[in-house]
Amino acid sequence: MKPDAIKGRIEELLQQSPFASLSSDIRLALQSQLQGLITSANLVTREEFEVQAEVLRRTSARLAELEARLVKLEGE
């Protein structure tokens, strides 16, 4: 998610929560804390996760192939 989308979503959640009746200063502080937590969480998109999982799968397969070749070469 882009930072603006995250900020918008946090604002929506705060409006729908019991915190909506708090003063604007408290809401701003809470919003800042939530945005900081989400930003520092190093989240990735599902698409990026799937791409990295596929890279890992191919790398693991290639490693297994190379290990098998090494065992064969050592046996000769």
N, C-alpha and C. Protein backbone atom coordinates (compact mmCIF):
# COMPACT_ATOMS: atom_id res chain seq x y z
N MET A 1 0.84 -1.19 0.00
CA MET A 1 0.00 0.00 0.00
C MET A 1 0.88 1.24 0.00
N LYS A 2 0.42 2.23 -0.66
CA LYS A 2 1.14 3.49 -0.69
C LYS A 2 0.87 4.27 0.60
N PRO A 3 1.81 5.12 1.01
CA PRO A 3 1.64 5.88 2.26
C PRO A 3 0.34 6.67 2.32
N ASP A 4 -0.07 7.27 1.21
CA ASP A 4 -1.32 8.04 1.23
C ASP A 4 -2.53 7.14 1.46
N ALA A 5 -2.49 5.94 0.88
CA ALA A 5 -3.58 5.00 1.08
C ALA A 5 -3.63 4.54 2.53
N ILE A 6 -2.46 4.31 3.12
CA ILE A 6 -2.39 3.91 4.52
C ILE A 6 -2.94 5.01 5.41
N LYS A 7 -2.53 6.24 5.14
CA LYS A 7 -3.01 7.38 5.93
C LYS A 7 -4.53 7.50 5.82
N GLY A 8 -5.05 7.36 4.61
CA GLY A 8 -6.50 7.44 4.42
C GLY A 8 -7.24 6.36 5.15
N ARG A 9 -6.69 5.15 5.13
CA ARG A 9 -7.33 4.02 5.81
C ARG A 9 -7.32 4.22 7.32
N ILE A 10 -6.21 4.74 7.85
CA ILE A 10 -6.12 5.02 9.28
C ILE A 10 -7.16 6.06 9.67
N GLU A 11 -7.31 7.10 8.86
CA GLU A 11 -8.31 8.13 9.15
C GLU A 11 -9.71 7.54 9.15
N GLU A 12 -10.00 6.65 8.19
CA GLU A 12 -11.31 6.00 8.15
C GLU A 12 -11.56 5.18 9.42
N LEU A 13 -10.56 4.41 9.81
CA LEU A 13 -10.71 3.58 11.01
C LEU A 13 -10.92 4.42 12.25
N LEU A 14 -10.20 5.52 12.35
CA LEU A 14 -10.38 6.40 13.52
C LEU A 14 -11.76 7.02 13.54
N GLN A 15 -12.30 7.36 12.38
CA GLN A 15 -13.65 7.94 12.32
C GLN A 15 -14.71 6.93 12.76
N GLN A 16 -14.47 5.66 12.49
CA GLN A 16 -15.45 4.62 12.81
C GLN A 16 -15.25 4.03 14.21
N SER A 17 -14.21 4.42 14.88
CA SER A 17 -13.89 3.83 16.18
C SER A 17 -14.38 4.72 17.32
N PRO A 18 -14.27 4.21 18.53
CA PRO A 18 -14.64 5.02 19.70
C PRO A 18 -13.73 6.25 19.85
N PHE A 19 -12.59 6.26 19.16
CA PHE A 19 -11.67 7.38 19.26
C PHE A 19 -12.14 8.61 18.48
N ALA A 20 -13.21 8.47 17.72
CA ALA A 20 -13.70 9.58 16.90
C ALA A 20 -14.12 10.77 17.76
N SER A 21 -14.53 10.55 18.99
CA SER A 21 -14.99 11.64 19.85
C SER A 21 -13.85 12.31 20.63
N LEU A 22 -12.63 11.80 20.48
CA LEU A 22 -11.49 12.40 21.18
C LEU A 22 -11.14 13.75 20.57
N SER A 23 -10.38 14.52 21.31
CA SER A 23 -9.96 15.82 20.78
C SER A 23 -9.07 15.62 19.58
N SER A 24 -8.97 16.62 18.74
CA SER A 24 -8.18 16.51 17.51
C SER A 24 -6.70 16.29 17.81
N ASP A 25 -6.20 16.86 18.90
CA ASP A 25 -4.79 16.66 19.26
C ASP A 25 -4.51 15.19 19.61
N ILE A 26 -5.40 14.60 20.38
CA ILE A 26 -5.22 13.21 20.76
C ILE A 26 -5.36 12.31 19.54
N ARG A 27 -6.35 12.60 18.71
CA ARG A 27 -6.54 11.81 17.49
C ARG A 27 -5.33 11.92 16.57
N LEU A 28 -4.77 13.12 16.45
CA LEU A 28 -3.59 13.32 15.61
C LEU A 28 -2.40 12.52 16.15
N ALA A 29 -2.21 12.53 17.47
CA ALA A 29 -1.13 11.76 18.08
C ALA A 29 -1.34 10.26 17.86
N LEU A 30 -2.57 9.79 18.04
CA LEU A 30 -2.88 8.39 17.83
C LEU A 30 -2.66 8.00 16.37
N GLN A 31 -3.12 8.85 15.48
CA GLN A 31 -2.95 8.60 14.05
C GLN A 31 -1.46 8.53 13.69
N SER A 32 -0.67 9.42 14.25
CA SER A 32 0.76 9.43 13.98
C SER A 32 1.41 8.15 14.48
N GLN A 33 1.02 7.70 15.67
CA GLN A 33 1.58 6.47 16.22
C GLN A 33 1.19 5.26 15.36
N LEU A 34 -0.06 5.18 14.95
CA LEU A 34 -0.51 4.07 14.11
C LEU A 34 0.22 4.06 12.77
N GLN A 35 0.35 5.22 12.17
CA GLN A 35 1.03 5.30 10.88
C GLN A 35 2.50 4.89 11.03
N GLY A 36 3.13 5.30 12.12
CA GLY A 36 4.52 4.91 12.36
C GLY A 36 4.67 3.41 12.52
N LEU A 37 3.74 2.79 13.25
CA LEU A 37 3.78 1.34 13.44
C LEU A 37 3.62 0.60 12.12
N ILE A 38 2.67 1.03 11.33
CA ILE A 38 2.42 0.36 10.05
C ILE A 38 3.59 0.56 9.10
N THR A 39 4.14 1.76 9.06
CA THR A 39 5.26 2.04 8.17
C THR A 39 6.48 1.22 8.56
N SER A 40 6.73 1.09 9.85
CA SER A 40 7.93 0.35 10.29
C SER A 40 7.74 -1.16 10.23
N ALA A 41 6.56 -1.63 9.92
CA ALA A 41 6.30 -3.07 9.87
C ALA A 41 6.91 -3.73 8.63
N ASN A 42 7.38 -2.95 7.67
CA ASN A 42 7.98 -3.49 6.45
C ASN A 42 7.06 -4.49 5.75
N LEU A 43 5.82 -4.10 5.53
CA LEU A 43 4.85 -4.96 4.88
C LEU A 43 5.10 -5.00 3.38
N VAL A 44 4.76 -6.11 2.75
CA VAL A 44 4.87 -6.23 1.29
C VAL A 44 3.50 -6.60 0.73
N THR A 45 3.33 -6.34 -0.54
CA THR A 45 2.07 -6.70 -1.18
C THR A 45 2.03 -8.20 -1.43
N ARG A 46 0.86 -8.72 -1.64
CA ARG A 46 0.69 -10.15 -1.95
C ARG A 46 1.45 -10.48 -3.23
N GLU A 47 1.38 -9.59 -4.22
CA GLU A 47 2.07 -9.82 -5.49
C GLU A 47 3.58 -9.92 -5.28
N GLU A 48 4.14 -9.01 -4.51
CA GLU A 48 5.57 -9.03 -4.24
C GLU A 48 5.94 -10.31 -3.48
N PHE A 49 5.11 -10.72 -2.55
CA PHE A 49 5.36 -11.96 -1.81
C PHE A 49 5.37 -13.16 -2.74
N GLU A 50 4.38 -13.22 -3.64
CA GLU A 50 4.29 -14.34 -4.59
C GLU A 50 5.51 -14.38 -5.51
N VAL A 51 5.97 -13.21 -5.96
CA VAL A 51 7.15 -13.16 -6.83
C VAL A 51 8.37 -13.69 -6.08
N GLN A 52 8.56 -13.24 -4.84
CA GLN A 52 9.70 -13.70 -4.06
C GLN A 52 9.60 -15.19 -3.73
N ALA A 53 8.40 -15.69 -3.50
CA ALA A 53 8.21 -17.12 -3.23
C ALA A 53 8.59 -17.94 -4.47
N GLU A 54 8.23 -17.45 -5.65
CA GLU A 54 8.59 -18.15 -6.89
C GLU A 54 10.10 -18.13 -7.11
N VAL A 55 10.75 -17.01 -6.84
CA VAL A 55 12.20 -16.93 -6.95
C VAL A 55 12.85 -17.94 -6.00
N LEU A 56 12.35 -18.02 -4.79
CA LEU A 56 12.89 -18.97 -3.82
C LEU A 56 12.68 -20.41 -4.28
N ARG A 57 11.52 -20.70 -4.84
CA ARG A 57 11.23 -22.04 -5.34
C ARG A 57 12.21 -22.43 -6.44
N ARG A 58 12.43 -21.52 -7.41
CA ARG A 58 13.36 -21.80 -8.50
C ARG A 58 14.79 -21.95 -7.99
N THR A 59 15.18 -21.10 -7.05
CA THR A 59 16.53 -21.17 -6.48
C THR A 59 16.73 -22.49 -5.74
N SER A 60 15.74 -22.93 -5.00
CA SER A 60 15.83 -24.20 -4.28
C SER A 60 15.95 -25.38 -5.26
N ALA A 61 15.18 -25.32 -6.34
CA ALA A 61 15.24 -26.38 -7.35
C ALA A 61 16.62 -26.40 -8.01
N ARG A 62 17.14 -25.23 -8.32
CA ARG A 62 18.47 -25.15 -8.94
C ARG A 62 19.54 -25.66 -7.98
N LEU A 63 19.44 -25.33 -6.71
CA LEU A 63 20.39 -25.80 -5.71
C LEU A 63 20.35 -27.32 -5.61
N ALA A 64 19.17 -27.91 -5.60
CA ALA A 64 19.04 -29.36 -5.54
C ALA A 64 19.68 -30.00 -6.77
N GLU A 65 19.46 -29.39 -7.93
CA GLU A 65 20.06 -29.89 -9.17
C GLU A 65 21.58 -29.84 -9.10
N LEU A 66 22.13 -28.73 -8.63
CA LEU A 66 23.59 -28.59 -8.52
C LEU A 66 24.17 -29.55 -7.48
N GLU A 67 23.46 -29.77 -6.39
CA GLU A 67 23.93 -30.73 -5.38
C GLU A 67 23.97 -32.14 -5.97
N ALA A 68 22.96 -32.49 -6.75
CA ALA A 68 22.94 -33.81 -7.38
C ALA A 68 24.11 -33.96 -8.36
N ARG A 69 24.38 -32.92 -9.13
CA ARG A 69 25.52 -32.96 -10.06
C ARG A 69 26.83 -33.10 -9.31
N LEU A 70 26.95 -32.41 -8.18
CA LEU A 70 28.18 -32.48 -7.39
C LEU A 70 28.39 -33.89 -6.83
N VAL A 71 27.32 -34.50 -6.34
CA VAL A 71 27.43 -35.87 -5.83
C VAL A 71 27.86 -36.80 -6.96
N LYS A 72 27.29 -36.62 -8.14
CA LYS A 72 27.65 -37.45 -9.29
C LYS A 72 29.11 -37.26 -9.67
N LEU A 73 29.58 -36.02 -9.70
CA LEU A 73 30.98 -35.73 -10.06
C LEU A 73 31.94 -36.28 -9.01
N GLU A 74 31.57 -36.21 -7.75
CA GLU A 74 32.42 -36.74 -6.68
C GLU A 74 32.50 -38.25 -6.74
N GLY A 75 31.47 -38.89 -7.27
CA GLY A 75 31.44 -40.34 -7.37
C GLY A 75 32.27 -40.86 -8.53
N GLU A 76 32.56 -40.02 -9.47
CA GLU A 76 33.35 -40.47 -10.64
C GLU A 76 34.81 -40.53 -10.37
